[in-house]
N, C-alpha and C. Protein backbone atom coordinates (compact mmCIF):
# COMPACT_ATOMS: atom_id res chain seq x y z
N VAL A 1 13.15 45.81 -57.96
CA VAL A 1 13.18 47.33 -56.95
C VAL A 1 11.57 47.34 -57.18
N THR A 2 11.26 48.12 -56.14
CA THR A 2 9.83 49.13 -56.18
C THR A 2 9.58 50.00 -55.97
N ALA A 3 8.92 50.71 -56.51
CA ALA A 3 8.60 52.48 -56.37
C ALA A 3 6.98 52.21 -56.12
N THR A 4 6.82 53.57 -55.58
CA THR A 4 4.85 53.47 -55.43
C THR A 4 4.98 54.91 -55.48
N ASP A 5 3.84 54.88 -56.01
CA ASP A 5 3.15 56.64 -56.65
C ASP A 5 1.95 56.82 -56.02
N ALA A 6 1.16 57.79 -55.19
CA ALA A 6 0.11 57.99 -54.80
C ALA A 6 -0.85 58.40 -55.88
N ASP A 7 -0.11 58.80 -56.54
CA ASP A 7 -1.34 59.68 -57.83
C ASP A 7 -2.19 58.20 -58.36
N GLU A 8 -3.23 58.72 -59.24
CA GLU A 8 -4.15 57.94 -59.98
C GLU A 8 -3.57 57.58 -61.18
N GLY A 9 -4.27 56.94 -62.37
CA GLY A 9 -3.98 56.95 -63.48
C GLY A 9 -2.76 56.93 -64.22
N PHE A 10 -2.34 57.76 -65.14
CA PHE A 10 -1.13 57.78 -65.76
C PHE A 10 -0.11 58.34 -65.13
N ASN A 11 -0.46 59.23 -63.87
CA ASN A 11 0.68 60.06 -63.16
C ASN A 11 1.45 59.19 -61.98
N GLY A 12 0.38 57.96 -61.72
CA GLY A 12 0.86 56.91 -60.92
C GLY A 12 1.47 55.77 -61.02
N GLN A 13 1.97 55.82 -62.59
CA GLN A 13 2.24 54.92 -63.16
C GLN A 13 3.76 54.86 -63.24
N VAL A 14 4.46 54.00 -63.06
CA VAL A 14 5.88 54.18 -62.59
C VAL A 14 7.07 53.04 -63.73
N LYS A 15 7.66 53.93 -64.25
CA LYS A 15 8.41 52.89 -65.37
C LYS A 15 10.28 53.27 -64.80
N TYR A 16 10.54 51.80 -64.74
CA TYR A 16 11.93 51.90 -64.47
C TYR A 16 13.24 51.73 -65.46
N SER A 17 14.05 52.37 -65.57
CA SER A 17 15.27 52.71 -66.26
C SER A 17 16.64 52.40 -65.55
N LEU A 18 17.89 52.02 -66.13
CA LEU A 18 19.15 52.01 -66.19
C LEU A 18 19.45 53.54 -66.05
N LYS A 19 20.24 54.15 -64.97
CA LYS A 19 21.04 55.10 -65.39
C LYS A 19 22.28 54.75 -65.67
N LYS A 20 22.80 54.21 -64.89
CA LYS A 20 24.08 54.27 -64.58
C LYS A 20 24.52 52.37 -63.74
N SER A 21 25.46 51.64 -64.62
CA SER A 21 26.05 50.33 -64.23
C SER A 21 27.29 50.19 -64.62
N THR A 22 27.90 49.12 -63.76
CA THR A 22 29.36 48.75 -64.24
C THR A 22 29.18 48.19 -65.57
N GLY A 23 30.17 47.95 -66.42
CA GLY A 23 30.28 47.28 -67.75
C GLY A 23 29.93 45.42 -67.75
N LYS A 24 30.36 44.76 -66.43
CA LYS A 24 30.07 43.71 -66.73
C LYS A 24 28.38 43.54 -65.95
N ALA A 25 27.71 44.33 -65.57
CA ALA A 25 26.65 44.29 -65.16
C ALA A 25 25.63 44.36 -65.95
N LEU A 26 26.03 45.42 -66.83
CA LEU A 26 24.99 45.12 -68.23
C LEU A 26 24.89 44.05 -68.70
N LYS A 27 26.23 43.20 -69.18
CA LYS A 27 26.23 41.75 -69.72
C LYS A 27 25.32 40.78 -68.66
N MET A 28 24.91 40.53 -67.42
CA MET A 28 24.42 39.98 -66.44
C MET A 28 23.20 39.98 -66.08
N LEU A 29 22.71 41.44 -66.32
CA LEU A 29 21.35 41.47 -65.68
C LEU A 29 20.30 42.40 -66.80
N GLN A 30 19.36 41.91 -66.45
CA GLN A 30 18.39 42.74 -67.16
C GLN A 30 17.15 43.45 -66.16
N LEU A 31 17.18 44.63 -66.47
CA LEU A 31 15.94 45.39 -66.03
C LEU A 31 14.38 45.21 -66.30
N ASP A 32 13.51 45.22 -65.95
CA ASP A 32 11.97 44.95 -66.87
C ASP A 32 11.66 46.14 -66.37
N SER A 33 11.62 47.34 -67.53
CA SER A 33 10.84 48.67 -67.44
C SER A 33 9.75 48.77 -66.64
N GLU A 34 9.04 47.74 -66.78
CA GLU A 34 7.40 48.00 -66.16
C GLU A 34 7.52 47.49 -65.08
N THR A 35 7.96 46.36 -64.23
CA THR A 35 7.96 45.91 -62.98
C THR A 35 9.15 45.94 -62.18
N GLY A 36 10.15 46.34 -63.01
CA GLY A 36 11.23 46.63 -61.97
C GLY A 36 12.24 45.46 -61.36
N VAL A 37 11.50 44.21 -62.20
CA VAL A 37 12.41 42.78 -61.61
C VAL A 37 13.93 42.85 -62.41
N ILE A 38 14.74 42.90 -61.71
CA ILE A 38 16.09 42.44 -61.99
C ILE A 38 16.55 40.98 -62.43
N THR A 39 16.54 40.52 -63.60
CA THR A 39 16.96 39.00 -63.70
C THR A 39 18.03 38.92 -64.20
N LEU A 40 18.65 37.84 -63.94
CA LEU A 40 20.19 37.14 -64.27
C LEU A 40 20.21 36.92 -65.80
N LEU A 41 20.87 37.11 -66.40
CA LEU A 41 20.76 36.73 -67.86
C LEU A 41 21.99 35.48 -67.75
N GLN A 42 22.73 35.46 -67.02
CA GLN A 42 23.76 34.41 -67.09
C GLN A 42 24.30 34.19 -65.49
N SER A 43 24.88 33.11 -65.24
CA SER A 43 25.42 32.11 -64.17
C SER A 43 26.36 33.87 -63.46
N LEU A 44 26.43 34.00 -62.34
CA LEU A 44 27.32 34.43 -61.90
C LEU A 44 28.13 34.05 -61.17
N ASP A 45 29.66 34.39 -61.46
CA ASP A 45 30.83 33.84 -61.50
C ASP A 45 32.10 34.70 -60.62
N PHE A 46 31.85 34.36 -59.36
CA PHE A 46 32.48 35.17 -58.05
C PHE A 46 34.04 35.66 -58.36
N GLU A 47 34.61 34.16 -59.76
CA GLU A 47 36.38 34.70 -59.60
C GLU A 47 36.23 36.04 -60.43
N GLU A 48 34.96 36.41 -61.14
CA GLU A 48 35.29 37.44 -62.24
C GLU A 48 34.62 38.81 -61.75
N GLY A 49 33.85 38.83 -60.65
CA GLY A 49 33.34 39.98 -59.46
C GLY A 49 32.81 39.56 -58.64
N ASP A 50 33.05 40.01 -57.68
CA ASP A 50 32.47 39.71 -56.20
C ASP A 50 31.21 40.50 -56.27
N SER A 51 30.79 41.60 -56.79
CA SER A 51 29.75 42.37 -56.76
C SER A 51 29.36 43.16 -58.13
N TYR A 52 28.20 43.31 -58.40
CA TYR A 52 27.86 44.32 -59.35
C TYR A 52 26.77 45.41 -58.85
N GLU A 53 26.97 46.40 -59.63
CA GLU A 53 26.11 47.69 -59.26
C GLU A 53 25.29 48.40 -60.37
N LEU A 54 23.60 48.50 -60.27
CA LEU A 54 23.55 49.36 -60.73
C LEU A 54 22.89 50.46 -60.52
N GLU A 55 22.34 51.88 -61.14
CA GLU A 55 21.55 52.55 -60.64
C GLU A 55 20.66 52.89 -61.32
N VAL A 56 19.34 52.41 -60.68
CA VAL A 56 18.00 52.14 -61.31
C VAL A 56 17.21 53.83 -60.85
N GLN A 57 16.51 54.41 -62.18
CA GLN A 57 15.85 55.07 -62.13
C GLN A 57 14.01 54.80 -62.20
N GLY A 58 12.94 55.19 -61.23
CA GLY A 58 11.59 55.31 -61.30
C GLY A 58 11.05 56.63 -61.57
N ARG A 59 10.43 56.62 -62.71
CA ARG A 59 9.67 57.59 -63.05
C ARG A 59 8.29 57.85 -62.89
N ASP A 60 7.53 58.37 -62.80
CA ASP A 60 6.37 58.41 -62.73
C ASP A 60 5.65 59.28 -64.14
N GLY A 61 4.43 58.73 -64.58
CA GLY A 61 3.81 59.85 -65.48
C GLY A 61 4.10 61.13 -65.49
N GLY A 62 3.93 61.59 -64.62
CA GLY A 62 3.82 63.17 -64.29
C GLY A 62 5.64 63.82 -64.40
N GLY A 63 6.52 62.72 -64.45
CA GLY A 63 7.85 63.51 -64.75
C GLY A 63 8.55 63.45 -63.75
N LEU A 64 8.13 63.29 -62.50
CA LEU A 64 9.10 62.90 -61.08
C LEU A 64 9.64 61.76 -61.31
N PHE A 65 10.96 61.62 -60.49
CA PHE A 65 11.75 60.45 -60.21
C PHE A 65 12.56 60.33 -59.21
N ASP A 66 12.98 59.44 -59.15
CA ASP A 66 14.27 59.22 -57.96
C ASP A 66 15.13 57.79 -58.93
N THR A 67 15.88 58.03 -57.83
CA THR A 67 17.17 56.90 -58.18
C THR A 67 17.42 55.97 -57.05
N THR A 68 17.76 54.65 -56.94
CA THR A 68 18.85 54.32 -55.94
C THR A 68 19.59 53.44 -56.53
N LYS A 69 20.85 53.04 -55.71
CA LYS A 69 21.84 52.09 -55.88
C LYS A 69 21.40 50.46 -55.79
N VAL A 70 21.83 49.59 -56.34
CA VAL A 70 21.64 48.20 -56.20
C VAL A 70 22.82 47.70 -56.33
N THR A 71 23.22 46.89 -55.32
CA THR A 71 24.68 46.18 -55.32
C THR A 71 24.25 44.78 -55.24
């Protein structure tokens, strides 16, 4: 995921965090708080689940934030 902030310096730096996710998603996926890159921790098994859902929050240095759902 990618978020941008027009501010310069510390207030323009965006950090990412998980706000909500399904239990299976926590075991299968990892979110890098600096880059927003979501990485698979293990192979997907569509017999166990056909989708995984995460709610990712981007927060800037000034405390402003927004969230998005990733399926």
